[in-house]
Amino acid sequence: MSTYLLIHGAFHGGWVWQRVTPLLEDAGHRVLAPSLVGLGDRAHLLTADVGLDTHVQDLIDLVTAEDLTDIVLVGHSYAGIVVTAVADAVPQRVAGLVYLDTFVPRDGEAVADIMPGMVEAFAAAAAATGDGWRVPPQTEPTGDGGLYGVTEEPDLSWLASMQTPQSLKTFQQPLRLRNPEALKAIPVTHVHCSEGGEDFKAMRAAMPRTLPPADLPADRLHVLPTGHDCMITMPRELAGCLLTSASHPASAR
């Protein structure tokens, strides 16, 4: 039995995994899908001081308090930087890292370094309507990609209604690695969402490193023909990818 620790992306919450969690549990695994501080059911904790370090320390506290081991640590979107930091902090507890339609950050990088145009837009939105620090979520569909690749009702309206604002600091605070060699030894899997409309394809193309890495072994890459929020649009297929990553023999990044 593995323990899956599922970490959601920006503006989302633990609620986004509700279709995936029972599929993993039915396969005999333990699943935790917490909301990050200030998001989802913890939105009341949002302040200007909530940053990347806040999210990372909160998860480290969860891992140690629950004495979690053999963790398959899954990070979606923004959480790519979060799970990297958590795995670096407690590498002995992590059996595998799954980057779900996201980037692998380097030491010293913030989301603002990897996606500068997007974070500049976040800062402008926070300045206009969020007291300079509260970034409002996107709630309206854009172009042919809907909302994070979700285009069908009632999912579209549900997704729009569930999102909550996020602190600008979470996108600006840099990653600081302490155990880079131990981190490199953790097996890594990528799940790449190939669809989602022209806006998301342009965003991926603008990033300094491709999604997924060009040198990733084929047995560590899964491609889902759907948009960014694949846990909503293709939960069964995503669960299959995650189960495969847990059962795959360990291999280095």
Foldseek 3Di string as FASTA:
>chain_A
DAEEEAEEAAQFFLVLLVLQQVVLVVVPYHYDRGGFQCHFVNVVRDDLPDALVSRQVVVLVVCVVVVAANYAYEAAALCLLSVLLNCLVCVRRYQAYEYEAYANDDAFDFLCVFQVVVLVVQQVQCVVPNVRWWGADDLAQDDPQGHQQDDDPPVSVVRSVRGGIHTSNHRVDGRHGDRVVSSQQHHYAYEHADDRDDVVVVSQVPGPAHVPHPPDDPQRYHYDPTGRSCSVVPSVVVSVSSVSRSPDPGDGD
